[in-house]
């Protein structure tokens, strides 16, 4: 029974593996990437077979030799008598035992080898980087493509020799050729020769290993300078030690071979040879380098390490794409009091300044564009730019906040959790929803301009919609996205009614969407518009075999029993677009933030794919998870794996069709040797060549500078913007990325996409960031932006600030929140128990200064409902120390210019101030101006009356919160806002 139970478990495990293998093939076949699957599987099978046979044959050979040259007799000792019963058990079937043991060991070796399939394929297809290391003068391709496989082979060789030694020792001991007691020789001649040859082979492999160990110096950590790449100690001391160890190992191997042929039977000579290797390893590999480091290097680090640090500076810049032609570093002279009139004259940056924060308005999108509770948008929306024709007939290019209306299974009610409803009826979302970044509805909400679903006109959120779609989409259904990774069964028999829920029938959509719908197979049933998926990229469920396979794979018998699974059914799964790209291109690191775009009337997801390596010579390492972590991580963007890399390229733009799930890989870095190698591995046509990509102008218009690549590059530039190795070692000019001033926790400020000139001749869609000195986080030391030129090449503009102590983002936020008008507002909001949320603080060069823009949002109830939405309340602008703060961007800008023209003294924050109390959290009643001896004027009655109205409105609001309905609370809050507005008007009229 035990044997039958074990056999059943093994059979089920093997059967489950075969089912998964077949379903994986069907999935790859559905997306037309079977080459990826077959290459991976056949390579793994091939490596498993080759290394299993090699290790099994080698083990069997050594066991056979030990058995073949066993002594005919053995001493009559207690030790040998105890082994007699084992000999009697094994000897009659010695061949079977040898073969069985060799097979088991071979299978373990094969399992280990098959996991190195990627290493083997890159070894086979890898080419040249065009960059040679300064020590061995070898192309970087040797270290990235060749060396890892050679090191694996050396490791396999050591494992084989050790297995042979242990197996032979066991066999010789079992048959008395090796013993530890009794009179006479302890080892037969055959055993001595065999084991000595194996030990000599081990030492020969050590010599080979020492030879290849020398190449590791170019990408190992330098303990003195804490950068990657061998320094003075490694190159001048350890390099010689490795050379000495090579010769000592070879000499020791020869000595042991001499011993093996019986010229001497004493173990003293081979023992001395092995001891010499150990002593040399300790002295030359440990003591000597330590002496050199402590007495030559550390007292003179700049002199000894400067040359090698310069190698790392050059190698790191190449490794992360920061060389000439990509990084354009210039000095940006900032005046202490720039001419604010420049803000009115600028035509590239100021008119395009965005106000809507994509990380804050997701709730507003959901509330305003969620006709059913199971719809949702991502926590962080995206920024993209579109060119369209406005109502006046003018061609306009501007930024939009965009998001797709997806189904979110987390929001399903109990009835929607039913298998038939969840997996065959609720199959897709609907619509790419957009809102201009500079326009707001009258309530401070986004103005929805495409993909809208219009509800009741009395609902104030539904009034914030345009009459036409700015962004035209012919196929608004979202089957593949980020929120819904359920599988879906789609397709009906010819003549049957559609069953998939498309959208509510009682909610109006644009005329363009209605016209598109008329051309599709849709039907209104029970207040729902229903449709049927028309694609052909799903897995066919028409055959009973496929249904049986997926019933096993998903542990779901309804694949076989449900009427919804028919001869026309297709299965859609792995619908998360990041997972989808990762599966068809397993060699890529996928960007943490895919974004949707409308291209040729279709909704697609654009995802950046990176090729990485960790073996690039003289290039420092960066941890992907640490470099890409910021305020949005885990709250709208994915978390990268915690892995170190020292080479990275944004090589692929992957595009996933939101309707069909089709994945297309577009080559974006046509000079990356890693991508070229993988493309050859998969037949040479895995990616669409870049020259063909550039012909699709509408698609390329939506490619933006890769976000995670930019985050890694900015972390590298914190140290590697320095050209001089001595300055680098001193670390006196190191930078840091500031914390996000809008975040309550200490998290890195994210990089922001803006449509601005940023030092260019004309505006471009750019990803931007700022730097501060590592020891002074209140001063801005540099600004950087990234964009693509007309040929699709990445360009980084690094503006190193000179001329004045320019405030950092944190310091500028403090300056804004210390403005008296802002302080008054924050106090009022706090008294009214309203949550204040600061939007992204943008810093953009304009003229001879830097314009800072920071929107202020309030969390307030809209339309008397219970849901609080982020409402854009005010905009703060600072330029040259003048702060403008108003309800609109234009008014805030005018305020800054007026203050400059009036000669008002700029407000400054002490650059040596490390930051005081944040008035955002606890506004103070203390005046910001110096006290005077003049008697303050009395407050006019109208202001007093307005203050009294505010207090009464606040009391009514608090009473409604305690015992009122949601409608009463909303009405009381509206009254409170009206009273606050009246107070502001009264103060302005009184000249306060």
Foldseek 3Di string as FASTA:
>chain_A
DVVVVVVVVVVVVVVLVVLVLVVLCLQCVLQVLNLLVVLLVVLLVVLLVVQLVVLLVLQLVLLVLLVVPFDPDADPDPLLVVLVVVCVVCVVPVVVVSNVVSNVVSNVRSVVRSVCSVLVLLLVQFDFQPDAAPQPRDGLSCQFRPLVVVVVVLVSVLVSLVSSLVSSVVSRSSRRQADDDDDDDRHDLSSLQSNLLSVLVNLQSLLVVLVSVLLCQQAPADPQLRFGHHFLLSRVQVNVLSVVLSVLSNVLSVQSNVVSNPPDVDCVRNVVSVVVSVVSCCVRVPVRSVCCCPPPCPVPPCVRGQVGLLSLLVLLCVQLVNDPPFEDEDAFEFALFDALVLLVVDDFANVQDFADFQQAFQVLCCVLAPPDQQWGWANGWDKFWDWFQDPVRDTDIHIKGKTATWGAVVRDDPVCVPPCNVAEAAQWGFFIWIFTRADADPQQHTQTATRGWAADPVAVSSVSYDQHHRFAALGGIFRFEARDQDKHKFDDDPPDAARYFYAFQRTDHHPRNVVSVVVFRWDADPRTIGHTADASSFRFLLDPVVLVSVCVVVVNCVSPVPPSRHNTIGMDGPRHLQSLVCSSPVQWFKAFAWHWDQAPNFIKIKIFTKHFGSRRGSFGKDFLQVLQWFPCDVRRTDGGDGDITSHMDRFWIWMAGRRHRRIATAGQDPSDSVVVSVCVSSPNPRHDYLVVVLVRVRVVSGDWDRFSSVSRVVVVCQQSVDNRSSCSSVLQAGKDAAAFLQDPDRTGAGWDWTQGQQVHPHTDTWTKGWIGGPVQRQFTQWMKIWGADSSSDIHMYIHGYDHDRHTHPNNVLQLQCQPPVNLVVLVLCVLLVKDKGKHGWDWGDGDSWIKTKIWIWIFADGPLAPHTGTRGQWMWIDISQAIFIDRHPVRSSVNSNVCVVVVPDHHDDPSPDNDDDRSNVPRDPDDPDDDDPDDDDDQDPQLVVLVVQLVVLSVQLVVCVVDNDSNSNNVSVVSNVVSVVSNVVSCVVVVD
